[in-house]
């Protein structure tokens, strides 16, 4: 755990603004979802609506029931960022929300293809692959050199230096 960064997210904490916004409306995370759904114009059966509701439940249970400080929980920060991503996508088009460009909000944890970003692990594996490739190249060069020497010995000539 000593290699885990103290805060894995890039940029300011969204969860602070999300909490302030919900409280400023005089709502809780448990009531905010229904309020947002009515004002956003999104069909309640849409997948984005279900995800938004679940994120509100997670934030609500974590802060009210578990009594976690959302400003100090990387997981709740990610939930808040995803909540904002959904709201922005729905604001652009409530009939067909587009998340194009929005994954940057969760840049620390997602790569360009939407998969998990494991930059340190990926860099390590690239280094291992590169080292392996160097060994294979050296083996190939040695094998080629040995074959040239055998051919030259068979002809009775001096092999001379090879590259």
C-alpha atoms as a PDB file:
ATOM      1  CA  UNK A   1       0.000   0.000   0.000  1.00  0.00           C
ATOM      2  CA  UNK A   2       2.965   2.341   0.331  1.00  0.00           C
ATOM      3  CA  UNK A   3       2.969   2.790  -3.459  1.00  0.00           C
ATOM      4  CA  UNK A   4      -0.675   3.929  -3.547  1.00  0.00           C
ATOM      5  CA  UNK A   5      -0.747   7.674  -4.211  1.00  0.00           C
ATOM      6  CA  UNK A   6      -2.223   9.884  -1.523  1.00  0.00           C
ATOM      7  CA  UNK A   7      -4.914  11.105  -3.965  1.00  0.00           C
ATOM      8  CA  UNK A   8      -5.358   9.309  -7.285  1.00  0.00           C
ATOM      9  CA  UNK A   9      -7.604  11.852  -9.004  1.00  0.00           C
ATOM     10  CA  UNK A  10      -6.476  14.632 -11.303  1.00  0.00           C
ATOM     11  CA  UNK A  11      -7.812  18.124 -10.704  1.00  0.00           C
ATOM     12  CA  UNK A  12      -9.980  19.640  -7.991  1.00  0.00           C
ATOM     13  CA  UNK A  13     -12.355  17.517  -5.950  1.00  0.00           C
ATOM     14  CA  UNK A  14     -15.760  17.311  -7.596  1.00  0.00           C
ATOM     15  CA  UNK A  15     -17.371  15.707  -4.553  1.00  0.00           C
ATOM     16  CA  UNK A  16     -17.116  18.988  -2.615  1.00  0.00           C
ATOM     17  CA  UNK A  17     -19.130  20.837  -5.246  1.00  0.00           C
ATOM     18  CA  UNK A  18     -21.597  17.965  -5.612  1.00  0.00           C
ATOM     19  CA  UNK A  19     -22.272  17.850  -1.859  1.00  0.00           C
ATOM     20  CA  UNK A  20     -22.566  21.650  -1.701  1.00  0.00           C
ATOM     21  CA  UNK A  21     -24.978  21.615  -4.641  1.00  0.00           C
ATOM     22  CA  UNK A  22     -27.235  18.950  -3.171  1.00  0.00           C
ATOM     23  CA  UNK A  23     -27.262  20.544   0.289  1.00  0.00           C
ATOM     24  CA  UNK A  24     -27.760  23.985  -1.293  1.00  0.00           C
ATOM     25  CA  UNK A  25     -30.955  22.717  -2.897  1.00  0.00           C
ATOM     26  CA  UNK A  26     -32.169  21.627   0.524  1.00  0.00           C
ATOM     27  CA  UNK A  27     -32.043  17.981  -0.549  1.00  0.00           C
ATOM     28  CA  UNK A  28     -30.223  14.807   0.408  1.00  0.00           C
ATOM     29  CA  UNK A  29     -28.606  12.358  -1.981  1.00  0.00           C
ATOM     30  CA  UNK A  30     -31.673  10.165  -1.446  1.00  0.00           C
ATOM     31  CA  UNK A  31     -34.036  12.893  -2.706  1.00  0.00           C
ATOM     32  CA  UNK A  32     -31.731  14.567  -5.199  1.00  0.00           C
ATOM     33  CA  UNK A  33     -31.999  11.835  -7.820  1.00  0.00           C
ATOM     34  CA  UNK A  34     -35.781  12.247  -8.239  1.00  0.00           C
ATOM     35  CA  UNK A  35     -35.386  16.041  -8.351  1.00  0.00           C
ATOM     36  CA  UNK A  36     -32.712  15.780 -11.054  1.00  0.00           C
ATOM     37  CA  UNK A  37     -34.694  13.212 -13.030  1.00  0.00           C
ATOM     38  CA  UNK A  38     -37.737  15.528 -13.197  1.00  0.00           C
ATOM     39  CA  UNK A  39     -35.685  18.551 -14.261  1.00  0.00           C
ATOM     40  CA  UNK A  40     -33.388  16.718 -16.687  1.00  0.00           C
ATOM     41  CA  UNK A  41     -36.137  15.320 -18.902  1.00  0.00           C
ATOM     42  CA  UNK A  42     -34.570  11.866 -18.938  1.00  0.00           C
ATOM     43  CA  UNK A  43     -36.847   8.842 -19.060  1.00  0.00           C
ATOM     44  CA  UNK A  44     -36.758   7.038 -15.706  1.00  0.00           C
ATOM     45  CA  UNK A  45     -36.090   3.717 -17.459  1.00  0.00           C
ATOM     46  CA  UNK A  46     -32.970   4.932 -19.260  1.00  0.00           C
ATOM     47  CA  UNK A  47     -29.699   3.293 -18.203  1.00  0.00           C
ATOM     48  CA  UNK A  48     -28.186   6.670 -17.351  1.00  0.00           C
ATOM     49  CA  UNK A  49     -31.105   7.317 -14.985  1.00  0.00           C
ATOM     50  CA  UNK A  50     -30.546   3.995 -13.228  1.00  0.00           C
ATOM     51  CA  UNK A  51     -26.834   4.670 -12.877  1.00  0.00           C
ATOM     52  CA  UNK A  52     -27.462   8.199 -11.597  1.00  0.00           C
ATOM     53  CA  UNK A  53     -29.885   6.832  -8.991  1.00  0.00           C
ATOM     54  CA  UNK A  54     -27.423   4.176  -7.885  1.00  0.00           C
ATOM     55  CA  UNK A  55     -24.616   6.715  -7.535  1.00  0.00           C
ATOM     56  CA  UNK A  56     -26.878   8.925  -5.420  1.00  0.00           C
ATOM     57  CA  UNK A  57     -27.649   5.904  -3.225  1.00  0.00           C
ATOM     58  CA  UNK A  58     -23.947   5.117  -2.876  1.00  0.00           C
ATOM     59  CA  UNK A  59     -23.106   8.702  -1.955  1.00  0.00           C
ATOM     60  CA  UNK A  60     -26.071   8.900   0.416  1.00  0.00           C
ATOM     61  CA  UNK A  61     -25.388   5.625   2.225  1.00  0.00           C
ATOM     62  CA  UNK A  62     -21.675   6.348   2.457  1.00  0.00           C
ATOM     63  CA  UNK A  63     -22.169   9.775   3.987  1.00  0.00           C
ATOM     64  CA  UNK A  64     -25.298   9.262   6.112  1.00  0.00           C
ATOM     65  CA  UNK A  65     -25.171   5.606   7.146  1.00  0.00           C
ATOM     66  CA  UNK A  66     -21.431   4.881   7.036  1.00  0.00           C
ATOM     67  CA  UNK A  67     -20.607   8.464   8.093  1.00  0.00           C
ATOM     68  CA  UNK A  68     -17.681   8.676   5.676  1.00  0.00           C
ATOM     69  CA  UNK A  69     -16.138  12.014   4.836  1.00  0.00           C
ATOM     70  CA  UNK A  70     -16.719  12.172   1.068  1.00  0.00           C
ATOM     71  CA  UNK A  71     -13.909  14.702   0.648  1.00  0.00           C
ATOM     72  CA  UNK A  72     -11.447  12.120   1.917  1.00  0.00           C
ATOM     73  CA  UNK A  73     -12.668   9.041  -0.011  1.00  0.00           C
ATOM     74  CA  UNK A  74     -11.256   8.449  -3.469  1.00  0.00           C
ATOM     75  CA  UNK A  75     -14.114   6.058  -4.275  1.00  0.00           C
ATOM     76  CA  UNK A  76     -16.745   8.651  -3.428  1.00  0.00           C
ATOM     77  CA  UNK A  77     -14.843  11.228  -5.481  1.00  0.00           C
ATOM     78  CA  UNK A  78     -15.058   8.871  -8.441  1.00  0.00           C
ATOM     79  CA  UNK A  79     -18.791   8.369  -7.809  1.00  0.00           C
ATOM     80  CA  UNK A  80     -19.291  12.151  -7.724  1.00  0.00           C
ATOM     81  CA  UNK A  81     -17.334  12.578 -10.954  1.00  0.00           C
ATOM     82  CA  UNK A  82     -19.411   9.908 -12.663  1.00  0.00           C
ATOM     83  CA  UNK A  83     -22.580  11.588 -11.396  1.00  0.00           C
ATOM     84  CA  UNK A  84     -21.427  14.852 -12.976  1.00  0.00           C
ATOM     85  CA  UNK A  85     -20.501  13.026 -16.199  1.00  0.00           C
ATOM     86  CA  UNK A  86     -24.018  11.600 -16.459  1.00  0.00           C
ATOM     87  CA  UNK A  87     -25.624  14.974 -15.773  1.00  0.00           C
ATOM     88  CA  UNK A  88     -23.481  16.691 -18.407  1.00  0.00           C
ATOM     89  CA  UNK A  89     -24.222  14.010 -21.012  1.00  0.00           C
ATOM     90  CA  UNK A  90     -27.952  14.230 -20.325  1.00  0.00           C
ATOM     91  CA  UNK A  91     -27.864  18.051 -20.396  1.00  0.00           C
ATOM     92  CA  UNK A  92     -26.552  17.903 -23.979  1.00  0.00           C
ATOM     93  CA  UNK A  93     -29.178  15.415 -25.149  1.00  0.00           C
ATOM     94  CA  UNK A  94     -31.655  13.844 -22.730  1.00  0.00           C
ATOM     95  CA  UNK A  95     -32.997  11.465 -25.396  1.00  0.00           C
ATOM     96  CA  UNK A  96     -29.584  10.065 -26.283  1.00  0.00           C
ATOM     97  CA  UNK A  97     -26.867  11.092 -23.809  1.00  0.00           C
ATOM     98  CA  UNK A  98     -23.386  11.126 -25.290  1.00  0.00           C
ATOM     99  CA  UNK A  99     -20.374  10.598 -23.051  1.00  0.00           C
ATOM    100  CA  UNK A 100     -17.888  11.578 -25.756  1.00  0.00           C
ATOM    101  CA  UNK A 101     -14.982  13.456 -24.193  1.00  0.00           C
ATOM    102  CA  UNK A 102     -16.345  13.048 -20.668  1.00  0.00           C
ATOM    103  CA  UNK A 103     -14.115  10.146 -19.551  1.00  0.00           C
ATOM    104  CA  UNK A 104     -11.356  12.740 -19.055  1.00  0.00           C
ATOM    105  CA  UNK A 105     -13.160  13.569 -15.804  1.00  0.00           C
ATOM    106  CA  UNK A 106     -12.114  10.153 -14.512  1.00  0.00           C
ATOM    107  CA  UNK A 107      -8.768  10.177 -16.303  1.00  0.00           C
ATOM    108  CA  UNK A 108      -6.836   8.538 -13.504  1.00  0.00           C
ATOM    109  CA  UNK A 109      -8.790   5.323 -13.714  1.00  0.00           C
ATOM    110  CA  UNK A 110      -9.761   4.927 -17.356  1.00  0.00           C
ATOM    111  CA  UNK A 111      -7.698   4.656 -20.497  1.00  0.00           C
ATOM    112  CA  UNK A 112      -8.618   5.993 -23.949  1.00  0.00           C
ATOM    113  CA  UNK A 113     -10.646   2.878 -24.730  1.00  0.00           C
ATOM    114  CA  UNK A 114     -12.705   3.088 -21.555  1.00  0.00           C
ATOM    115  CA  UNK A 115     -10.794   0.297 -19.820  1.00  0.00           C
ATOM    116  CA  UNK A 116      -8.889   0.514 -16.602  1.00  0.00           C
ATOM    117  CA  UNK A 117      -5.778   2.644 -16.831  1.00  0.00           C
ATOM    118  CA  UNK A 118      -2.849   0.904 -15.212  1.00  0.00           C
ATOM    119  CA  UNK A 119      -0.071   3.255 -16.201  1.00  0.00           C
ATOM    120  CA  UNK A 120       2.593   2.017 -13.790  1.00  0.00           C
ATOM    121  CA  UNK A 121       1.817  -1.634 -14.436  1.00  0.00           C
ATOM    122  CA  UNK A 122       1.664  -1.029 -18.201  1.00  0.00           C
ATOM    123  CA  UNK A 123       5.014   0.778 -18.112  1.00  0.00           C
ATOM    124  CA  UNK A 124       6.528  -2.091 -16.125  1.00  0.00           C
ATOM    125  CA  UNK A 125       5.170  -4.686 -18.546  1.00  0.00           C
ATOM    126  CA  UNK A 126       6.476  -2.654 -21.502  1.00  0.00           C
ATOM    127  CA  UNK A 127       9.905  -2.609 -19.859  1.00  0.00           C
ATOM    128  CA  UNK A 128       9.752  -6.387 -19.329  1.00  0.00           C
ATOM    129  CA  UNK A 129       8.677  -6.925 -22.949  1.00  0.00           C
ATOM    130  CA  UNK A 130      11.429  -4.608 -24.178  1.00  0.00           C
ATOM    131  CA  UNK A 131      14.032  -6.490 -22.137  1.00  0.00           C
ATOM    132  CA  UNK A 132      12.736  -9.784 -23.495  1.00  0.00           C
ATOM    133  CA  UNK A 133      12.900  -8.435 -27.041  1.00  0.00           C
ATOM    134  CA  UNK A 134      16.522  -7.367 -26.514  1.00  0.00           C
ATOM    135  CA  UNK A 135      17.413 -10.886 -25.318  1.00  0.00           C
ATOM    136  CA  UNK A 136      15.681 -12.439 -28.331  1.00  0.00           C
ATOM    137  CA  UNK A 137      17.506 -10.044 -30.658  1.00  0.00           C
ATOM    138  CA  UNK A 138      20.870 -10.901 -29.109  1.00  0.00           C
ATOM    139  CA  UNK A 139      20.085 -14.627 -29.423  1.00  0.00           C
ATOM    140  CA  UNK A 140      19.157 -14.138 -33.080  1.00  0.00           C
ATOM    141  CA  UNK A 141      22.351 -12.175 -33.786  1.00  0.00           C
ATOM    142  CA  UNK A 142      24.454 -14.839 -32.066  1.00  0.00           C
ATOM    143  CA  UNK A 143      22.716 -17.592 -34.022  1.00  0.00           C
ATOM    144  CA  UNK A 144      23.315 -15.731 -37.310  1.00  0.00           C
ATOM    145  CA  UNK A 145      26.960 -15.182 -36.413  1.00  0.00           C
ATOM    146  CA  UNK A 146      27.410 -18.875 -35.587  1.00  0.00           C
ATOM    147  CA  UNK A 147      25.802 -19.873 -38.897  1.00  0.00           C
ATOM    148  CA  UNK A 148      28.157 -17.561 -40.813  1.00  0.00           C
ATOM    149  CA  UNK A 149      31.165 -19.034 -39.016  1.00  0.00           C
ATOM    150  CA  UNK A 150      30.038 -22.576 -39.878  1.00  0.00           C
ATOM    151  CA  UNK A 151      29.578 -21.631 -43.527  1.00  0.00           C
ATOM    152  CA  UNK A 152      33.002 -19.975 -43.645  1.00  0.00           C
ATOM    153  CA  UNK A 153      34.645 -22.996 -41.985  1.00  0.00           C
ATOM    154  CA  UNK A 154      32.994 -25.255 -44.530  1.00  0.00           C
ATOM    155  CA  UNK A 155      34.479 -23.135 -47.340  1.00  0.00           C
ATOM    156  CA  UNK A 156      37.862 -23.054 -45.625  1.00  0.00           C
ATOM    157  CA  UNK A 157      37.946 -19.260 -45.448  1.00  0.00           C
ATOM    158  CA  UNK A 158      38.519 -16.868 -42.592  1.00  0.00           C
ATOM    159  CA  UNK A 159      35.242 -15.553 -41.231  1.00  0.00           C
ATOM    160  CA  UNK A 160      36.599 -12.149 -40.183  1.00  0.00           C
ATOM    161  CA  UNK A 161      34.673  -9.763 -37.975  1.00  0.00           C
ATOM    162  CA  UNK A 162      30.893  -9.787 -38.265  1.00  0.00           C
ATOM    163  CA  UNK A 163      28.254  -7.303 -37.134  1.00  0.00           C
END
